[in-house]
């Protein structure tokens, strides 16, 4: 994700980020939570568990997301992608030990990760302003509005009892953070960490939603002008 952007410059007014003072405050809060809890837990997880175990955990959680990706591919009328994601889920669940082994990728069945924010974008809903959410981190107004639907589509939401669900969700959070540890030196070395992260996230999200990188790798203009083209 961070490879999509160059060195960050000093903070400046950005039409994509009209809530910048508020977002910076939330970002400081998130960094405090990360430094005190998430980063140490992720570092311990990476240090104490062998790579093969971490890969299996990441595969398991990735497999759980494939059915919701298939639903959103259907909503975007991408029938082939939806079929592949459901085939991935079936193969990995029944042959790959509930998804711990990613047999589908080895078999050449591609993953098409989608969410409801991408579905809204497909049908012409612009991203809107950049938003930093407490704990959850970078987002856009469109993707924030889509979050409740994504939560409904998360199979872990239906795991009972609640204590088990919270434990599994915590494990997923730690696994996700551990896979992002490699980017920490790039963020810490940026001239302005907030701007660097914002530009990186917006370019990453654009490439994910529209299946391409912006012309010249630049998102200096506002999203409604530069990011409205629906995916094809």
Protein backbone atom coordinates (compact mmCIF):
# COMPACT_ATOMS: atom_id res chain seq x y z
CA UNK A 1 0.00 0.00 0.00
CA UNK A 2 2.67 2.47 1.06
CA UNK A 3 4.67 1.83 -2.10
CA UNK A 4 1.95 3.67 -4.03
CA UNK A 5 3.03 7.04 -2.66
CA UNK A 6 6.23 9.01 -2.47
CA UNK A 7 7.61 11.05 0.38
CA UNK A 8 4.99 13.06 2.23
CA UNK A 9 5.25 16.83 2.41
CA UNK A 10 4.23 19.24 5.12
CA UNK A 11 0.50 19.48 5.92
CA UNK A 12 -1.49 21.59 3.47
CA UNK A 13 -5.15 22.19 2.74
CA UNK A 14 -6.51 19.22 0.82
CA UNK A 15 -9.99 19.20 -0.72
CA UNK A 16 -10.28 15.48 0.02
CA UNK A 17 -9.76 16.11 3.73
CA UNK A 18 -12.01 18.94 4.97
CA UNK A 19 -12.12 17.35 8.45
CA UNK A 20 -8.33 17.33 8.83
CA UNK A 21 -8.14 18.90 12.34
CA UNK A 22 -10.65 16.35 13.67
CA UNK A 23 -9.02 13.51 11.75
CA UNK A 24 -5.60 14.38 13.14
CA UNK A 25 -7.00 14.25 16.67
CA UNK A 26 -8.51 10.81 16.07
CA UNK A 27 -5.26 9.68 14.44
CA UNK A 28 -3.31 10.71 17.55
CA UNK A 29 -5.74 8.72 19.70
CA UNK A 30 -5.40 5.69 17.42
CA UNK A 31 -1.62 5.90 17.52
CA UNK A 32 -1.74 5.93 21.32
CA UNK A 33 -3.91 2.80 21.36
CA UNK A 34 -1.65 1.17 18.79
CA UNK A 35 1.57 1.93 20.66
CA UNK A 36 0.21 0.79 24.01
CA UNK A 37 -1.71 -2.32 22.94
CA UNK A 38 -1.93 -3.38 19.30
CA UNK A 39 1.69 -3.02 18.22
CA UNK A 40 3.13 -4.87 21.26
CA UNK A 41 0.58 -7.67 20.84
CA UNK A 42 1.30 -7.94 17.11
CA UNK A 43 5.07 -7.94 17.69
CA UNK A 44 4.74 -10.70 20.28
CA UNK A 45 2.52 -12.70 17.95
CA UNK A 46 5.04 -12.38 15.11
CA UNK A 47 7.93 -13.24 17.41
CA UNK A 48 6.41 -16.19 19.27
CA UNK A 49 4.48 -17.98 16.53
CA UNK A 50 6.18 -19.61 13.52
CA UNK A 51 5.40 -18.33 10.04
CA UNK A 52 3.44 -21.45 9.10
CA UNK A 53 1.02 -20.85 12.00
CA UNK A 54 0.61 -17.17 11.15
CA UNK A 55 -0.02 -18.05 7.50
CA UNK A 56 -2.70 -20.54 8.51
CA UNK A 57 -4.40 -17.96 10.72
CA UNK A 58 -4.36 -15.36 7.93
CA UNK A 59 -5.74 -17.94 5.49
CA UNK A 60 -8.55 -18.85 7.90
CA UNK A 61 -9.72 -15.26 8.32
CA UNK A 62 -9.33 -14.55 4.61
CA UNK A 63 -11.51 -17.54 3.80
CA UNK A 64 -14.27 -16.23 6.07
CA UNK A 65 -14.40 -13.04 4.00
CA UNK A 66 -14.87 -14.75 0.64
CA UNK A 67 -18.68 -15.24 0.86
CA UNK A 68 -19.26 -11.52 1.53
CA UNK A 69 -16.95 -10.71 -1.36
CA UNK A 70 -19.09 -12.99 -3.53
CA UNK A 71 -22.27 -11.19 -2.43
CA UNK A 72 -20.79 -7.81 -3.33
CA UNK A 73 -19.51 -9.11 -6.66
CA UNK A 74 -23.08 -10.21 -7.41
CA UNK A 75 -24.38 -6.76 -6.45
CA UNK A 76 -21.86 -5.32 -8.91
CA UNK A 77 -23.01 -7.81 -11.59
CA UNK A 78 -19.57 -9.46 -11.65
CA UNK A 79 -20.94 -12.96 -11.92
CA UNK A 80 -17.63 -14.62 -12.74
CA UNK A 81 -15.90 -13.07 -9.74
CA UNK A 82 -18.76 -14.10 -7.45
CA UNK A 83 -18.59 -17.67 -8.71
CA UNK A 84 -14.83 -17.81 -8.15
CA UNK A 85 -15.11 -16.46 -4.60
CA UNK A 86 -17.78 -19.00 -3.68
CA UNK A 87 -15.71 -21.76 -5.26
CA UNK A 88 -12.70 -20.56 -3.24
CA UNK A 89 -14.75 -20.71 -0.05
CA UNK A 90 -16.04 -24.20 -0.80
CA UNK A 91 -12.63 -25.60 -1.74
CA UNK A 92 -10.74 -24.05 1.16
CA UNK A 93 -13.44 -24.86 3.72
CA UNK A 94 -13.90 -28.53 2.82
CA UNK A 95 -10.46 -29.41 1.45
CA UNK A 96 -8.26 -26.81 3.13
CA UNK A 97 -9.14 -27.58 6.77
CA UNK A 98 -11.72 -24.80 7.23
CA UNK A 99 -9.55 -22.40 5.27
CA UNK A 100 -6.28 -22.89 7.16
CA UNK A 101 -4.77 -24.17 3.90
CA UNK A 102 -5.25 -21.98 0.85
CA UNK A 103 -5.82 -24.78 -1.64
CA UNK A 104 -7.85 -22.53 -3.93
CA UNK A 105 -4.96 -20.19 -4.69
CA UNK A 106 -2.71 -23.14 -5.49
CA UNK A 107 -5.44 -24.34 -7.85
CA UNK A 108 -5.52 -20.97 -9.63
CA UNK A 109 -8.87 -19.79 -8.24
CA UNK A 110 -8.46 -16.05 -7.87
CA UNK A 111 -9.74 -14.04 -4.87
CA UNK A 112 -11.74 -10.87 -5.61
CA UNK A 113 -11.93 -9.06 -2.29
CA UNK A 114 -14.99 -6.79 -2.24
CA UNK A 115 -17.01 -4.91 0.34
CA UNK A 116 -20.17 -2.83 0.33
CA UNK A 117 -18.20 0.41 -0.03
CA UNK A 118 -16.81 -0.91 -3.31
CA UNK A 119 -20.34 -1.84 -4.36
CA UNK A 120 -21.56 1.70 -3.70
CA UNK A 121 -18.60 3.01 -5.70
CA UNK A 122 -19.44 0.68 -8.58
CA UNK A 123 -22.89 2.27 -8.82
CA UNK A 124 -21.49 5.80 -8.85
CA UNK A 125 -21.45 6.84 -5.18
CA UNK A 126 -18.40 9.10 -4.70
CA UNK A 127 -15.99 8.45 -1.84
CA UNK A 128 -16.63 11.79 -0.18
CA UNK A 129 -14.29 13.25 2.44
CA UNK A 130 -11.45 11.32 4.02
CA UNK A 131 -12.35 10.19 7.55
CA UNK A 132 -10.28 8.68 10.36
CA UNK A 133 -12.40 6.42 12.55
CA UNK A 134 -11.57 5.66 16.19
CA UNK A 135 -9.69 2.34 16.41
CA UNK A 136 -10.71 1.37 12.85
CA UNK A 137 -8.45 3.97 11.25
CA UNK A 138 -8.54 5.49 7.72
CA UNK A 139 -11.77 5.46 5.73
CA UNK A 140 -13.97 7.68 3.58
CA UNK A 141 -17.48 8.92 4.15
CA UNK A 142 -18.87 6.42 1.64
CA UNK A 143 -17.05 3.48 3.21
CA UNK A 144 -18.07 4.59 6.70
CA UNK A 145 -21.74 4.58 5.66
CA UNK A 146 -21.19 1.08 4.23
CA UNK A 147 -19.66 -0.31 7.43
CA UNK A 148 -22.94 -1.50 9.03
CA UNK A 149 -23.63 -3.68 5.98
CA UNK A 150 -20.09 -5.04 6.07
CA UNK A 151 -20.55 -5.92 9.73
CA UNK A 152 -23.78 -7.73 8.93
CA UNK A 153 -21.92 -9.67 6.25
CA UNK A 154 -19.14 -10.70 8.65
CA UNK A 155 -19.73 -14.34 9.70
CA UNK A 156 -17.86 -13.79 12.97
CA UNK A 157 -20.68 -11.47 14.03
CA UNK A 158 -22.88 -14.52 14.48
CA UNK A 159 -20.44 -16.53 16.59
CA UNK A 160 -21.76 -17.36 20.07
CA UNK A 161 -21.15 -17.10 22.95
CA UNK A 162 -20.08 -13.48 22.91
CA UNK A 163 -16.86 -14.18 24.81
CA UNK A 164 -15.72 -16.55 22.06
CA UNK A 165 -16.69 -14.05 19.36
CA UNK A 166 -14.69 -11.30 21.07
CA UNK A 167 -11.69 -13.59 21.42
CA UNK A 168 -11.73 -14.49 17.74
CA UNK A 169 -12.21 -10.86 16.69
CA UNK A 170 -9.26 -9.89 18.87
CA UNK A 171 -7.18 -12.58 17.22
CA UNK A 172 -8.12 -11.29 13.78
CA UNK A 173 -7.18 -7.74 14.80
CA UNK A 174 -3.77 -8.87 16.08
CA UNK A 175 -3.16 -10.91 12.93
CA UNK A 176 -4.05 -7.94 10.73
CA UNK A 177 -1.78 -5.63 12.72
CA UNK A 178 1.08 -8.14 12.59
CA UNK A 179 0.93 -8.22 8.80
CA UNK A 180 1.27 -4.42 8.77
CA UNK A 181 4.35 -4.28 11.03
CA UNK A 182 6.67 -4.15 8.02
CA UNK A 183 5.23 -0.74 7.07
CA UNK A 184 5.95 0.87 10.45
CA UNK A 185 9.45 2.13 9.53
CA UNK A 186 8.05 3.85 6.42
CA UNK A 187 5.35 5.60 8.44
CA UNK A 188 7.69 6.57 11.25
CA UNK A 189 10.19 7.96 8.75
CA UNK A 190 7.69 10.17 6.93
CA UNK A 191 8.04 13.93 7.28
CA UNK A 192 4.35 14.12 8.18
CA UNK A 193 2.99 10.72 9.17
CA UNK A 194 -0.66 11.74 8.92
CA UNK A 195 -0.37 13.08 5.35
CA UNK A 196 1.68 10.08 4.27
CA UNK A 197 -0.92 7.67 5.65
CA UNK A 198 -3.82 9.60 4.15
CA UNK A 199 -2.33 9.68 0.64
CA UNK A 200 -1.29 6.04 0.86
CA UNK A 201 -4.72 4.93 2.00
CA UNK A 202 -6.62 6.91 -0.65
CA UNK A 203 -4.45 5.56 -3.46
CA UNK A 204 -4.68 2.03 -2.08
CA UNK A 205 -8.46 2.28 -1.77
CA UNK A 206 -8.78 3.72 -5.27
CA UNK A 207 -6.76 0.87 -6.74
CA UNK A 208 -8.85 -1.67 -4.81
CA UNK A 209 -12.23 -0.20 -5.80
CA UNK A 210 -11.47 0.62 -9.44
CA UNK A 211 -8.88 -2.11 -10.16
CA UNK A 212 -6.30 0.39 -11.33
CA UNK A 213 -3.86 3.02 -10.07
CA UNK A 214 -4.67 6.71 -10.75
CA UNK A 215 -2.96 8.26 -13.75
CA UNK A 216 0.57 9.13 -12.73
CA UNK A 217 -0.10 7.65 -9.29
CA UNK A 218 -1.48 11.02 -8.20
CA UNK A 219 -4.64 11.75 -6.26
CA UNK A 220 -4.06 15.44 -5.77
CA UNK A 221 -7.49 16.36 -7.10
CA UNK A 222 -10.69 15.71 -5.20
CA UNK A 223 -12.26 12.27 -5.50
CA UNK A 224 -15.52 13.33 -7.15
CA UNK A 225 -13.50 14.51 -10.19
CA UNK A 226 -10.78 11.88 -10.31
CA UNK A 227 -12.29 8.74 -8.84
CA UNK A 228 -15.85 8.44 -10.08
CA UNK A 229 -15.26 6.16 -13.03
CA UNK A 230 -16.98 2.86 -12.26
CA UNK A 231 -14.98 -0.36 -12.40
CA UNK A 232 -15.19 -2.38 -15.55
